[in-house]
Amino acid sequence: MKTILIINGEKYWKNYFAGFDVVQKKVQTSEFIVKNAELYVLDADGVCRPDVIFGDWGR
């Protein structure tokens, strides 16, 4: 299953991506690491390796 990472998005965004593993994190509390050409994102809730990233970067 593909993983979608939502950065700083609203909780209801998850509802638009049925059939995907949706992970939500905040950019302010996450770390981004590239290892072996793959992106990993970690925070206090755990680590994910997203296939796609969507974000609400402000207005």
PDB file of N, CA and C in Angstrom:
ATOM      1  N   MET A   1       0.849  -1.176   0.000  1.00  0.00           N
ATOM      2  CA  MET A   1       0.000   0.000   0.000  1.00  0.00           C
ATOM      3  C   MET A   1       0.897   1.243   0.000  1.00  0.00           C
ATOM      4  N   LYS A   2       0.570   2.195  -0.814  1.00  0.00           N
ATOM      5  CA  LYS A   2       1.320   3.452  -0.890  1.00  0.00           C
ATOM      6  C   LYS A   2       1.033   4.304   0.342  1.00  0.00           C
ATOM      7  N   THR A   3       2.064   5.029   0.780  1.00  0.00           N
ATOM      8  CA  THR A   3       1.934   5.899   1.938  1.00  0.00           C
ATOM      9  C   THR A   3       1.900   7.353   1.498  1.00  0.00           C
ATOM     10  N   ILE A   4       0.871   8.055   1.940  1.00  0.00           N
ATOM     11  CA  ILE A   4       0.744   9.494   1.703  1.00  0.00           C
ATOM     12  C   ILE A   4       1.038  10.199   3.018  1.00  0.00           C
ATOM     13  N   LEU A   5       1.966  11.129   2.983  1.00  0.00           N
ATOM     14  CA  LEU A   5       2.277  11.953   4.148  1.00  0.00           C
ATOM     15  C   LEU A   5       1.624  13.309   3.959  1.00  0.00           C
ATOM     16  N   ILE A   6       0.832  13.703   4.932  1.00  0.00           N
ATOM     17  CA  ILE A   6       0.198  15.021   4.917  1.00  0.00           C
ATOM     18  C   ILE A   6       0.896  15.875   5.960  1.00  0.00           C
ATOM     19  N   ILE A   7       1.493  16.972   5.503  1.00  0.00           N
ATOM     20  CA  ILE A   7       2.217  17.888   6.382  1.00  0.00           C
ATOM     21  C   ILE A   7       1.331  19.086   6.691  1.00  0.00           C
ATOM     22  N   ASN A   8       1.085  19.319   7.970  1.00  0.00           N
ATOM     23  CA  ASN A   8       0.317  20.480   8.454  1.00  0.00           C
ATOM     24  C   ASN A   8      -1.088  20.574   7.861  1.00  0.00           C
ATOM     25  N   GLY A   9      -1.628  19.473   7.407  1.00  0.00           N
ATOM     26  CA  GLY A   9      -2.970  19.488   6.835  1.00  0.00           C
ATOM     27  C   GLY A   9      -4.037  19.250   7.883  1.00  0.00           C
ATOM     28  N   GLU A  10      -5.255  19.510   7.499  1.00  0.00           N
ATOM     29  CA  GLU A  10      -6.391  19.270   8.388  1.00  0.00           C
ATOM     30  C   GLU A  10      -6.627  17.769   8.526  1.00  0.00           C
ATOM     31  N   LYS A  11      -7.164  17.358   9.659  1.00  0.00           N
ATOM     32  CA  LYS A  11      -7.393  15.931   9.928  1.00  0.00           C
ATOM     33  C   LYS A  11      -8.328  15.303   8.897  1.00  0.00           C
ATOM     34  N   TYR A  12      -9.302  16.048   8.378  1.00  0.00           N
ATOM     35  CA  TYR A  12     -10.268  15.484   7.437  1.00  0.00           C
ATOM     36  C   TYR A  12      -9.654  15.165   6.073  1.00  0.00           C
ATOM     37  N   TRP A  13      -8.452  15.653   5.772  1.00  0.00           N
ATOM     38  CA  TRP A  13      -7.816  15.357   4.489  1.00  0.00           C
ATOM     39  C   TRP A  13      -7.665  13.856   4.293  1.00  0.00           C
ATOM     40  N   LYS A  14      -7.477  13.140   5.385  1.00  0.00           N
ATOM     41  CA  LYS A  14      -7.318  11.682   5.334  1.00  0.00           C
ATOM     42  C   LYS A  14      -8.497  11.024   4.616  1.00  0.00           C
ATOM     43  N   ASN A  15      -9.684  11.590   4.755  1.00  0.00           N
ATOM     44  CA  ASN A  15     -10.893  11.020   4.147  1.00  0.00           C
ATOM     45  C   ASN A  15     -10.842  11.011   2.621  1.00  0.00           C
ATOM     46  N   TYR A  16     -10.043  11.852   2.018  1.00  0.00           N
ATOM     47  CA  TYR A  16      -9.956  11.949   0.560  1.00  0.00           C
ATOM     48  C   TYR A  16      -9.038  10.900  -0.053  1.00  0.00           C
ATOM     49  N   PHE A  17      -8.330  10.141   0.768  1.00  0.00           N
ATOM     50  CA  PHE A  17      -7.319   9.217   0.257  1.00  0.00           C
ATOM     51  C   PHE A  17      -7.587   7.779   0.689  1.00  0.00           C
ATOM     52  N   ALA A  18      -8.814   7.319   0.483  1.00  0.00           N
ATOM     53  CA  ALA A  18      -9.155   5.930   0.800  1.00  0.00           C
ATOM     54  C   ALA A  18      -8.282   5.001  -0.045  1.00  0.00           C
ATOM     55  N   GLY A  19      -7.864   3.911   0.549  1.00  0.00           N
ATOM     56  CA  GLY A  19      -7.031   2.959  -0.175  1.00  0.00           C
ATOM     57  C   GLY A  19      -5.543   3.222  -0.032  1.00  0.00           C
ATOM     58  N   PHE A  20      -5.184   4.260   0.718  1.00  0.00           N
ATOM     59  CA  PHE A  20      -3.791   4.597   0.970  1.00  0.00           C
ATOM     60  C   PHE A  20      -3.531   4.589   2.472  1.00  0.00           C
ATOM     61  N   ASP A  21      -2.298   4.360   2.842  1.00  0.00           N
ATOM     62  CA  ASP A  21      -1.886   4.520   4.230  1.00  0.00           C
ATOM     63  C   ASP A  21      -1.568   6.005   4.405  1.00  0.00           C
ATOM     64  N   VAL A  22      -2.374   6.718   5.178  1.00  0.00           N
ATOM     65  CA  VAL A  22      -2.217   8.161   5.338  1.00  0.00           C
ATOM     66  C   VAL A  22      -1.601   8.458   6.701  1.00  0.00           C
ATOM     67  N   VAL A  23      -0.490   9.208   6.681  1.00  0.00           N
ATOM     68  CA  VAL A  23       0.201   9.614   7.894  1.00  0.00           C
ATOM     69  C   VAL A  23       0.180  11.137   7.942  1.00  0.00           C
ATOM     70  N   GLN A  24      -0.116  11.702   9.105  1.00  0.00           N
ATOM     71  CA  GLN A  24      -0.134  13.156   9.246  1.00  0.00           C
ATOM     72  C   GLN A  24       0.923  13.588  10.253  1.00  0.00           C
ATOM     73  N   LYS A  25       1.699  14.596   9.861  1.00  0.00           N
ATOM     74  CA  LYS A  25       2.744  15.133  10.727  1.00  0.00           C
ATOM     75  C   LYS A  25       2.798  16.648  10.572  1.00  0.00           C
ATOM     76  N   LYS A  26       3.453  17.289  11.513  1.00  0.00           N
ATOM     77  CA  LYS A  26       3.664  18.737  11.450  1.00  0.00           C
ATOM     78  C   LYS A  26       5.124  18.998  11.108  1.00  0.00           C
ATOM     79  N   VAL A  27       5.348  19.923  10.208  1.00  0.00           N
ATOM     80  CA  VAL A  27       6.716  20.232   9.795  1.00  0.00           C
ATOM     81  C   VAL A  27       7.519  20.793  10.973  1.00  0.00           C
ATOM     82  N   GLN A  28       6.843  21.470  11.900  1.00  0.00           N
ATOM     83  CA  GLN A  28       7.513  22.092  13.036  1.00  0.00           C
ATOM     84  C   GLN A  28       8.103  21.074  14.010  1.00  0.00           C
ATOM     85  N   THR A  29       7.564  19.856  14.029  1.00  0.00           N
ATOM     86  CA  THR A  29       8.013  18.852  14.997  1.00  0.00           C
ATOM     87  C   THR A  29       8.560  17.592  14.338  1.00  0.00           C
ATOM     88  N   SER A  30       8.857  17.660  13.043  1.00  0.00           N
ATOM     89  CA  SER A  30       9.344  16.490  12.311  1.00  0.00           C
ATOM     90  C   SER A  30      10.775  16.686  11.849  1.00  0.00           C
ATOM     91  N   GLU A  31      11.441  15.567  11.650  1.00  0.00           N
ATOM     92  CA  GLU A  31      12.775  15.569  11.059  1.00  0.00           C
ATOM     93  C   GLU A  31      12.705  14.807   9.754  1.00  0.00           C
ATOM     94  N   PHE A  32      13.477  15.250   8.781  1.00  0.00           N
ATOM     95  CA  PHE A  32      13.492  14.648   7.458  1.00  0.00           C
ATOM     96  C   PHE A  32      14.893  14.115   7.192  1.00  0.00           C
ATOM     97  N   ILE A  33      14.975  12.836   6.881  1.00  0.00           N
ATOM     98  CA  ILE A  33      16.273  12.194   6.678  1.00  0.00           C
ATOM     99  C   ILE A  33      16.256  11.465   5.340  1.00  0.00           C
ATOM    100  N   VAL A  34      17.312  11.632   4.563  1.00  0.00           N
ATOM    101  CA  VAL A  34      17.480  10.874   3.328  1.00  0.00           C
ATOM    102  C   VAL A  34      18.563   9.837   3.575  1.00  0.00           C
ATOM    103  N   LYS A  35      18.209   8.573   3.337  1.00  0.00           N
ATOM    104  CA  LYS A  35      19.154   7.475   3.525  1.00  0.00           C
ATOM    105  C   LYS A  35      18.978   6.504   2.365  1.00  0.00           C
ATOM    106  N   ASN A  36      20.080   6.196   1.703  1.00  0.00           N
ATOM    107  CA  ASN A  36      20.037   5.291   0.544  1.00  0.00           C
ATOM    108  C   ASN A  36      19.014   5.763  -0.489  1.00  0.00           C
ATOM    109  N   ALA A  37      18.994   7.057  -0.737  1.00  0.00           N
ATOM    110  CA  ALA A  37      18.119   7.691  -1.735  1.00  0.00           C
ATOM    111  C   ALA A  37      16.631   7.551  -1.401  1.00  0.00           C
ATOM    112  N   GLU A  38      16.287   7.319  -0.152  1.00  0.00           N
ATOM    113  CA  GLU A  38      14.891   7.264   0.270  1.00  0.00           C
ATOM    114  C   GLU A  38      14.665   8.271   1.391  1.00  0.00           C
ATOM    115  N   LEU A  39      13.498   8.908   1.367  1.00  0.00           N
ATOM    116  CA  LEU A  39      13.146   9.907   2.374  1.00  0.00           C
ATOM    117  C   LEU A  39      12.424   9.240   3.537  1.00  0.00           C
ATOM    118  N   TYR A  40      12.861   9.572   4.737  1.00  0.00           N
ATOM    119  CA  TYR A  40      12.203   9.127   5.965  1.00  0.00           C
ATOM    120  C   TYR A  40      11.816  10.373   6.752  1.00  0.00           C
ATOM    121  N   VAL A  41      10.624  10.342   7.341  1.00  0.00           N
ATOM    122  CA  VAL A  41      10.145  11.459   8.142  1.00  0.00           C
ATOM    123  C   VAL A  41       9.804  10.910   9.525  1.00  0.00           C
ATOM    124  N   LEU A  42      10.368  11.542  10.558  1.00  0.00           N
ATOM    125  CA  LEU A  42      10.123  11.043  11.899  1.00  0.00           C
ATOM    126  C   LEU A  42       9.727  12.161  12.845  1.00  0.00           C
ATOM    127  N   ASP A  43       8.932  11.766  13.814  1.00  0.00           N
ATOM    128  CA  ASP A  43       8.527  12.660  14.897  1.00  0.00           C
ATOM    129  C   ASP A  43       8.261  11.801  16.128  1.00  0.00           C
ATOM    130  N   ALA A  44       7.649  12.363  17.142  1.00  0.00           N
ATOM    131  CA  ALA A  44       7.399  11.630  18.387  1.00  0.00           C
ATOM    132  C   ALA A  44       6.465  10.439  18.187  1.00  0.00           C
ATOM    133  N   ASP A  45       5.659  10.449  17.121  1.00  0.00           N
ATOM    134  CA  ASP A  45       4.719   9.352  16.854  1.00  0.00           C
ATOM    135  C   ASP A  45       5.329   8.213  16.054  1.00  0.00           C
ATOM    136  N   GLY A  46       6.521   8.410  15.500  1.00  0.00           N
ATOM    137  CA  GLY A  46       7.154   7.334  14.750  1.00  0.00           C
ATOM    138  C   GLY A  46       7.776   7.804  13.445  1.00  0.00           C
ATOM    139  N   VAL A  47       8.113   6.824  12.622  1.00  0.00           N
ATOM    140  CA  VAL A  47       8.815   7.059  11.355  1.00  0.00           C
ATOM    141  C   VAL A  47       7.940   6.596  10.205  1.00  0.00           C
ATOM    142  N   CYS A  48       7.976   7.327   9.092  1.00  0.00           N
ATOM    143  CA  CYS A  48       7.309   6.861   7.884  1.00  0.00           C
ATOM    144  C   CYS A  48       8.212   7.115   6.682  1.00  0.00           C
ATOM    145  N   ARG A  49       8.006   6.321   5.633  1.00  0.00           N
ATOM    146  CA  ARG A  49       8.706   6.510   4.368  1.00  0.00           C
ATOM    147  C   ARG A  49       7.630   6.800   3.326  1.00  0.00           C
ATOM    148  N   PRO A  50       7.350   8.080   3.093  1.00  0.00           N
ATOM    149  CA  PRO A  50       6.231   8.435   2.222  1.00  0.00           C
ATOM    150  C   PRO A  50       6.538   8.203   0.741  1.00  0.00           C
ATOM    151  N   ASP A  51       5.498   7.825   0.011  1.00  0.00           N
ATOM    152  CA  ASP A  51       5.569   7.745  -1.445  1.00  0.00           C
ATOM    153  C   ASP A  51       5.162   9.076  -2.066  1.00  0.00           C
ATOM    154  N   VAL A  52       4.261   9.786  -1.362  1.00  0.00           N
ATOM    155  CA  VAL A  52       3.743  11.076  -1.827  1.00  0.00           C
ATOM    156  C   VAL A  52       3.613  11.989  -0.617  1.00  0.00           C
ATOM    157  N   ILE A  53       3.872  13.282  -0.811  1.00  0.00           N
ATOM    158  CA  ILE A  53       3.707  14.258   0.265  1.00  0.00           C
ATOM    159  C   ILE A  53       2.770  15.365  -0.206  1.00  0.00           C
ATOM    160  N   PHE A  54       1.767  15.652   0.616  1.00  0.00           N
ATOM    161  CA  PHE A  54       0.904  16.805   0.406  1.00  0.00           C
ATOM    162  C   PHE A  54       1.050  17.690   1.639  1.00  0.00           C
ATOM    163  N   GLY A  55       0.937  18.988   1.449  1.00  0.00           N
ATOM    164  CA  GLY A  55       1.081  19.862   2.596  1.00  0.00           C
ATOM    165  C   GLY A  55       0.280  21.133   2.489  1.00  0.00           C
ATOM    166  N   ASP A  56      -0.002  21.686   3.639  1.00  0.00           N
ATOM    167  CA  ASP A  56      -0.626  23.005   3.742  1.00  0.00           C
ATOM    168  C   ASP A  56       0.478  23.908   4.272  1.00  0.00           C
ATOM    169  N   TRP A  57       1.117  24.637   3.384  1.00  0.00           N
ATOM    170  CA  TRP A  57       2.314  25.412   3.721  1.00  0.00           C
ATOM    171  C   TRP A  57       1.987  26.829   4.145  1.00  0.00           C
ATOM    172  N   GLY A  58       0.721  27.129   4.344  1.00  0.00           N
ATOM    173  CA  GLY A  58       0.332  28.471   4.795  1.00  0.00           C
ATOM    174  C   GLY A  58      -0.284  29.271   3.662  1.00  0.00           C
ATOM    175  N   ARG A  59      -0.790  30.398   4.043  1.00  0.00           N
ATOM    176  CA  ARG A  59      -1.474  31.228   3.048  1.00  0.00           C
ATOM    177  C   ARG A  59      -0.826  32.581   3.000  1.00  0.00           C
TER     178      ARG A  59
END
